[in-house]
N, C-alpha and C. Protein backbone atom coordinates (compact mmCIF):
# COMPACT_ATOMS: atom_id res chain seq x y z
N GLN A 1 15.52 -35.54 -58.05
CA GLN A 1 14.67 -36.67 -58.40
C GLN A 1 15.49 -37.95 -58.34
N VAL A 2 14.90 -39.00 -57.72
CA VAL A 2 15.59 -40.28 -57.62
C VAL A 2 15.84 -40.85 -59.00
N ARG A 3 17.06 -41.33 -59.21
CA ARG A 3 17.40 -41.96 -60.49
C ARG A 3 18.14 -43.25 -60.22
N LEU A 4 17.71 -44.30 -60.92
CA LEU A 4 18.34 -45.61 -60.81
C LEU A 4 18.73 -46.06 -62.22
N VAL A 5 19.96 -46.49 -62.38
CA VAL A 5 20.45 -46.89 -63.70
C VAL A 5 21.03 -48.30 -63.60
N GLU A 6 20.36 -49.24 -64.26
CA GLU A 6 20.81 -50.63 -64.25
C GLU A 6 21.72 -50.90 -65.45
N SER A 7 22.61 -51.86 -65.27
CA SER A 7 23.47 -52.32 -66.35
C SER A 7 23.93 -53.73 -66.04
N GLY A 8 24.54 -54.36 -67.03
CA GLY A 8 25.14 -55.67 -66.81
C GLY A 8 24.40 -56.84 -67.43
N GLY A 9 23.24 -56.58 -68.00
CA GLY A 9 22.50 -57.67 -68.62
C GLY A 9 23.18 -58.15 -69.89
N GLY A 10 22.64 -59.22 -70.46
CA GLY A 10 23.21 -59.75 -71.69
C GLY A 10 22.64 -61.10 -72.03
N LEU A 11 23.23 -61.70 -73.05
CA LEU A 11 22.84 -63.04 -73.50
C LEU A 11 23.90 -64.03 -73.05
N VAL A 12 23.47 -65.02 -72.28
CA VAL A 12 24.40 -66.05 -71.79
C VAL A 12 23.76 -67.41 -71.99
N GLN A 13 24.59 -68.44 -71.83
CA GLN A 13 24.08 -69.80 -71.89
C GLN A 13 23.74 -70.28 -70.48
N ALA A 14 22.89 -71.26 -70.42
CA ALA A 14 22.51 -71.83 -69.13
C ALA A 14 23.76 -72.28 -68.37
N GLY A 15 23.78 -71.99 -67.08
CA GLY A 15 24.91 -72.35 -66.25
C GLY A 15 25.94 -71.24 -66.08
N GLU A 16 25.85 -70.23 -66.92
CA GLU A 16 26.81 -69.13 -66.83
C GLU A 16 26.35 -68.08 -65.80
N SER A 17 27.16 -67.04 -65.66
CA SER A 17 26.91 -66.03 -64.63
C SER A 17 26.85 -64.63 -65.23
N LEU A 18 26.16 -63.76 -64.52
CA LEU A 18 26.13 -62.34 -64.84
C LEU A 18 26.07 -61.55 -63.54
N THR A 19 26.59 -60.34 -63.58
CA THR A 19 26.45 -59.43 -62.44
C THR A 19 25.77 -58.16 -62.91
N LEU A 20 24.65 -57.86 -62.30
CA LEU A 20 23.92 -56.63 -62.61
C LEU A 20 24.31 -55.55 -61.61
N SER A 21 24.33 -54.31 -62.10
CA SER A 21 24.64 -53.16 -61.25
C SER A 21 23.50 -52.16 -61.33
N CYS A 22 23.28 -51.45 -60.25
CA CYS A 22 22.27 -50.40 -60.18
C CYS A 22 22.90 -49.21 -59.47
N VAL A 23 23.17 -48.17 -60.23
CA VAL A 23 23.74 -46.95 -59.64
C VAL A 23 22.61 -46.00 -59.30
N ALA A 24 22.58 -45.57 -58.05
CA ALA A 24 21.50 -44.70 -57.57
C ALA A 24 21.99 -43.27 -57.39
N SER A 25 21.11 -42.33 -57.67
CA SER A 25 21.41 -40.94 -57.38
C SER A 25 20.18 -40.29 -56.75
N LYS A 26 20.41 -39.26 -55.96
CA LYS A 26 19.37 -38.54 -55.22
C LYS A 26 18.71 -39.41 -54.16
N ILE A 27 19.34 -40.51 -53.79
CA ILE A 27 18.87 -41.38 -52.73
C ILE A 27 20.07 -42.14 -52.18
N ARG A 28 20.13 -42.29 -50.88
CA ARG A 28 21.24 -43.02 -50.26
C ARG A 28 20.81 -44.46 -50.04
N ILE A 29 21.43 -45.37 -50.77
CA ILE A 29 21.02 -46.77 -50.64
C ILE A 29 21.34 -47.32 -49.26
N ALA A 30 22.33 -46.73 -48.58
CA ALA A 30 22.74 -47.25 -47.28
C ALA A 30 21.62 -47.18 -46.25
N ILE A 31 20.71 -46.24 -46.40
CA ILE A 31 19.65 -46.08 -45.39
C ILE A 31 18.29 -46.50 -45.93
N ASN A 32 18.27 -47.08 -47.10
CA ASN A 32 17.03 -47.51 -47.71
C ASN A 32 17.03 -49.01 -47.97
N PHE A 33 15.83 -49.54 -48.17
CA PHE A 33 15.67 -50.91 -48.59
C PHE A 33 15.65 -50.91 -50.12
N MET A 34 16.46 -51.77 -50.71
CA MET A 34 16.57 -51.82 -52.16
C MET A 34 16.25 -53.23 -52.64
N GLY A 35 15.68 -53.30 -53.83
CA GLY A 35 15.33 -54.61 -54.35
C GLY A 35 15.65 -54.76 -55.82
N TRP A 36 15.83 -56.00 -56.23
CA TRP A 36 15.91 -56.34 -57.65
C TRP A 36 14.64 -57.10 -58.01
N PHE A 37 14.08 -56.72 -59.15
CA PHE A 37 12.86 -57.33 -59.64
C PHE A 37 13.11 -57.86 -61.04
N TYR A 38 12.29 -58.83 -61.45
CA TYR A 38 12.33 -59.22 -62.85
C TYR A 38 10.93 -59.29 -63.42
N GLN A 39 10.89 -59.10 -64.74
CA GLN A 39 9.61 -59.13 -65.44
C GLN A 39 9.81 -59.83 -66.78
N ALA A 40 9.18 -61.00 -66.90
CA ALA A 40 9.20 -61.75 -68.15
C ALA A 40 8.05 -61.27 -69.03
N PRO A 41 8.14 -61.48 -70.34
CA PRO A 41 7.07 -61.04 -71.25
C PRO A 41 5.72 -61.61 -70.83
N GLY A 42 4.73 -60.73 -70.73
CA GLY A 42 3.38 -61.15 -70.38
C GLY A 42 3.16 -61.45 -68.92
N LYS A 43 4.17 -61.21 -68.09
CA LYS A 43 4.04 -61.49 -66.66
C LYS A 43 4.23 -60.22 -65.85
N GLU A 44 3.81 -60.28 -64.59
CA GLU A 44 3.96 -59.14 -63.71
C GLU A 44 5.40 -59.04 -63.20
N ARG A 45 5.75 -57.84 -62.80
CA ARG A 45 7.06 -57.63 -62.21
C ARG A 45 7.07 -58.28 -60.82
N GLU A 46 8.14 -59.00 -60.55
CA GLU A 46 8.23 -59.78 -59.31
C GLU A 46 9.58 -59.54 -58.65
N MET A 47 9.56 -59.46 -57.33
CA MET A 47 10.81 -59.27 -56.61
C MET A 47 11.64 -60.54 -56.67
N VAL A 48 12.92 -60.35 -56.88
CA VAL A 48 13.88 -61.45 -56.87
C VAL A 48 14.66 -61.48 -55.57
N ALA A 49 15.13 -60.31 -55.16
CA ALA A 49 15.97 -60.21 -53.97
C ALA A 49 15.87 -58.80 -53.42
N ALA A 50 16.16 -58.67 -52.13
CA ALA A 50 16.16 -57.35 -51.50
C ALA A 50 17.27 -57.29 -50.46
N ILE A 51 17.71 -56.07 -50.20
CA ILE A 51 18.71 -55.87 -49.16
C ILE A 51 18.22 -54.74 -48.26
N ASN A 52 18.21 -55.01 -46.96
CA ASN A 52 17.72 -54.05 -46.00
C ASN A 52 18.79 -53.03 -45.66
N ASN A 53 18.40 -51.99 -44.92
CA ASN A 53 19.38 -50.97 -44.57
C ASN A 53 20.39 -51.50 -43.55
N ASP A 54 20.10 -52.63 -42.91
CA ASP A 54 21.09 -53.22 -41.98
C ASP A 54 21.94 -54.29 -42.68
N GLY A 55 21.72 -54.46 -43.97
CA GLY A 55 22.53 -55.42 -44.74
C GLY A 55 21.93 -56.80 -44.85
N SER A 56 20.87 -57.07 -44.13
CA SER A 56 20.24 -58.39 -44.24
C SER A 56 19.56 -58.50 -45.60
N THR A 57 19.42 -59.73 -46.06
CA THR A 57 18.95 -59.95 -47.42
C THR A 57 17.76 -60.91 -47.46
N TYR A 58 17.05 -60.84 -48.57
CA TYR A 58 15.90 -61.70 -48.80
C TYR A 58 15.95 -62.17 -50.25
N TYR A 59 15.58 -63.44 -50.47
CA TYR A 59 15.54 -63.99 -51.82
C TYR A 59 14.28 -64.82 -52.00
N ILE A 60 13.78 -64.83 -53.22
CA ILE A 60 12.70 -65.76 -53.50
C ILE A 60 13.31 -67.16 -53.63
N ASP A 61 12.49 -68.17 -53.42
CA ASP A 61 13.00 -69.54 -53.35
C ASP A 61 13.73 -69.96 -54.63
N SER A 62 13.25 -69.52 -55.77
CA SER A 62 13.81 -70.02 -57.03
C SER A 62 15.23 -69.54 -57.30
N VAL A 63 15.69 -68.53 -56.56
CA VAL A 63 17.05 -68.02 -56.79
C VAL A 63 17.97 -68.22 -55.59
N LYS A 64 17.44 -68.74 -54.50
CA LYS A 64 18.28 -68.97 -53.32
C LYS A 64 19.43 -69.89 -53.66
N GLY A 65 20.62 -69.50 -53.23
CA GLY A 65 21.80 -70.29 -53.50
C GLY A 65 22.44 -70.00 -54.83
N ARG A 66 21.74 -69.25 -55.70
CA ARG A 66 22.29 -68.91 -57.02
C ARG A 66 22.55 -67.41 -57.16
N PHE A 67 21.68 -66.59 -56.58
CA PHE A 67 21.79 -65.13 -56.71
C PHE A 67 22.26 -64.54 -55.38
N THR A 68 23.02 -63.46 -55.47
CA THR A 68 23.47 -62.74 -54.28
C THR A 68 23.29 -61.24 -54.51
N ILE A 69 22.55 -60.61 -53.60
CA ILE A 69 22.39 -59.16 -53.67
C ILE A 69 23.38 -58.53 -52.69
N SER A 70 23.98 -57.43 -53.11
CA SER A 70 24.94 -56.73 -52.26
C SER A 70 24.91 -55.25 -52.61
N ARG A 71 25.62 -54.48 -51.84
CA ARG A 71 25.67 -53.05 -52.14
C ARG A 71 27.04 -52.48 -51.77
N ASP A 72 27.38 -51.40 -52.42
CA ASP A 72 28.58 -50.64 -52.12
C ASP A 72 28.11 -49.24 -51.75
N ASN A 73 28.11 -48.95 -50.47
CA ASN A 73 27.56 -47.67 -50.02
C ASN A 73 28.37 -46.48 -50.55
N ALA A 74 29.67 -46.65 -50.64
CA ALA A 74 30.51 -45.56 -51.13
C ALA A 74 30.19 -45.22 -52.58
N GLU A 75 29.88 -46.25 -53.36
CA GLU A 75 29.55 -46.05 -54.77
C GLU A 75 28.05 -45.85 -54.98
N ASN A 76 27.28 -45.98 -53.89
CA ASN A 76 25.82 -45.87 -53.97
C ASN A 76 25.26 -46.80 -55.04
N THR A 77 25.75 -48.04 -55.03
CA THR A 77 25.42 -49.03 -56.06
C THR A 77 24.96 -50.33 -55.42
N VAL A 78 23.94 -50.91 -56.02
CA VAL A 78 23.43 -52.21 -55.60
C VAL A 78 23.76 -53.21 -56.71
N TYR A 79 24.16 -54.42 -56.31
CA TYR A 79 24.55 -55.45 -57.27
C TYR A 79 23.65 -56.67 -57.14
N LEU A 80 23.57 -57.43 -58.23
CA LEU A 80 22.93 -58.74 -58.19
C LEU A 80 23.84 -59.70 -58.94
N GLN A 81 24.52 -60.54 -58.17
CA GLN A 81 25.37 -61.57 -58.77
C GLN A 81 24.48 -62.77 -59.05
N MET A 82 24.46 -63.20 -60.31
CA MET A 82 23.59 -64.30 -60.72
C MET A 82 24.45 -65.43 -61.25
N ASN A 83 24.43 -66.55 -60.57
CA ASN A 83 25.20 -67.74 -60.97
C ASN A 83 24.25 -68.85 -61.40
N SER A 84 24.80 -69.82 -62.10
CA SER A 84 24.03 -70.99 -62.53
C SER A 84 22.71 -70.56 -63.18
N LEU A 85 22.80 -69.64 -64.11
CA LEU A 85 21.60 -69.10 -64.72
C LEU A 85 20.82 -70.16 -65.49
N LYS A 86 19.50 -70.02 -65.47
CA LYS A 86 18.60 -70.95 -66.14
C LYS A 86 17.76 -70.19 -67.17
N PRO A 87 17.25 -70.88 -68.18
CA PRO A 87 16.38 -70.20 -69.15
C PRO A 87 15.19 -69.49 -68.49
N ASP A 88 14.69 -70.03 -67.38
CA ASP A 88 13.57 -69.39 -66.68
C ASP A 88 13.95 -68.06 -66.05
N ASP A 89 15.23 -67.77 -65.95
CA ASP A 89 15.67 -66.48 -65.40
C ASP A 89 15.58 -65.36 -66.44
N THR A 90 15.27 -65.72 -67.68
CA THR A 90 15.18 -64.73 -68.75
C THR A 90 14.09 -63.72 -68.45
N ALA A 91 14.48 -62.44 -68.44
CA ALA A 91 13.53 -61.36 -68.11
C ALA A 91 14.26 -60.03 -68.21
N VAL A 92 13.49 -58.96 -68.08
CA VAL A 92 14.08 -57.64 -67.86
C VAL A 92 14.20 -57.47 -66.36
N TYR A 93 15.39 -57.08 -65.91
CA TYR A 93 15.65 -56.92 -64.48
C TYR A 93 15.68 -55.44 -64.14
N TYR A 94 14.97 -55.11 -63.06
CA TYR A 94 14.86 -53.72 -62.61
C TYR A 94 15.35 -53.60 -61.17
N CYS A 95 15.95 -52.49 -60.91
CA CYS A 95 16.31 -52.10 -59.56
C CYS A 95 15.22 -51.17 -59.04
N GLY A 96 14.86 -51.32 -57.76
CA GLY A 96 13.81 -50.47 -57.22
C GLY A 96 14.02 -50.18 -55.74
N VAL A 97 13.41 -49.12 -55.29
CA VAL A 97 13.40 -48.79 -53.87
C VAL A 97 12.13 -49.40 -53.27
N VAL A 98 12.27 -50.06 -52.13
CA VAL A 98 11.13 -50.73 -51.52
C VAL A 98 10.99 -50.28 -50.07
N ASP A 99 9.81 -50.57 -49.49
CA ASP A 99 9.64 -50.25 -48.08
C ASP A 99 10.02 -51.46 -47.23
N ARG A 100 9.78 -51.38 -45.94
CA ARG A 100 10.21 -52.46 -45.03
C ARG A 100 9.48 -53.78 -45.27
N ARG A 101 8.38 -53.69 -45.98
CA ARG A 101 7.66 -54.92 -46.32
C ARG A 101 7.92 -55.31 -47.78
N TYR A 102 8.93 -54.72 -48.35
CA TYR A 102 9.40 -55.02 -49.71
C TYR A 102 8.39 -54.63 -50.78
N ARG A 103 7.57 -53.65 -50.48
CA ARG A 103 6.64 -53.14 -51.49
C ARG A 103 7.32 -52.02 -52.25
N PRO A 104 7.22 -52.03 -53.58
CA PRO A 104 7.87 -50.99 -54.38
C PRO A 104 7.32 -49.60 -54.05
N LEU A 105 8.22 -48.63 -54.05
CA LEU A 105 7.82 -47.25 -53.77
C LEU A 105 7.68 -46.43 -55.04
N GLY A 106 7.83 -47.08 -56.18
CA GLY A 106 7.58 -46.40 -57.44
C GLY A 106 8.80 -45.81 -58.10
N TYR A 107 9.98 -46.05 -57.54
CA TYR A 107 11.21 -45.57 -58.16
C TYR A 107 11.85 -46.74 -58.89
N TRP A 108 12.00 -46.59 -60.21
CA TRP A 108 12.53 -47.67 -61.04
C TRP A 108 13.59 -47.15 -61.98
N GLY A 109 14.47 -48.06 -62.37
CA GLY A 109 15.38 -47.76 -63.46
C GLY A 109 14.74 -48.16 -64.77
N GLN A 110 15.55 -48.14 -65.83
CA GLN A 110 15.04 -48.46 -67.16
C GLN A 110 15.04 -49.96 -67.41
N GLY A 111 15.73 -50.70 -66.55
CA GLY A 111 15.80 -52.15 -66.70
C GLY A 111 16.96 -52.59 -67.57
N THR A 112 17.34 -53.84 -67.38
CA THR A 112 18.40 -54.43 -68.19
C THR A 112 17.98 -55.84 -68.56
N GLN A 113 18.11 -56.19 -69.83
CA GLN A 113 17.62 -57.48 -70.33
C GLN A 113 18.62 -58.59 -70.02
N VAL A 114 18.11 -59.67 -69.47
CA VAL A 114 18.90 -60.89 -69.26
C VAL A 114 18.24 -62.00 -70.06
N THR A 115 19.00 -62.61 -70.93
CA THR A 115 18.50 -63.72 -71.75
C THR A 115 19.41 -64.91 -71.55
N VAL A 116 18.80 -66.03 -71.14
CA VAL A 116 19.56 -67.25 -70.89
C VAL A 116 19.12 -68.30 -71.89
N SER A 117 20.03 -68.75 -72.71
CA SER A 117 19.71 -69.77 -73.70
C SER A 117 20.02 -71.15 -73.16
N SER A 118 19.26 -72.12 -73.63
CA SER A 118 19.45 -73.50 -73.15
C SER A 118 20.48 -74.25 -73.99
C-alpha cells in the first residue's frame, strides 16, 4: 500500500524559511508525478507545486519565486523548500501522487502544519 509521510512543518515568522519532506514507500517517485498541496481551515485542498517524472516543475502564481519542489530518487523523497514565508502560507501541507494533469490520485500523507506569524 502506498504510504506518504510528511515532515518539516512548524511555526515561523514571516520572511523565514522551512523545508518540507515527503518520504514515499510502495511507490517510486522517480516515475510518478508528485505534488505538494495545502489546505487552510475552512478551505479546499489546493495544489502548490508539482514535479513531473522528467523533473519539470509547476507552481501556482502565489508561490513562484519563493517555493521550490525537488526530489531525491535514491531516498524516494520529495521536498518543498519554502522561502520568504507569508502569513497567507499558513496551512496544513500534504504530499500527494497526481496524474499528468495534476489531479490527485487519492494517495495522501497525514500532512504537516505550517504556521507563519506576522
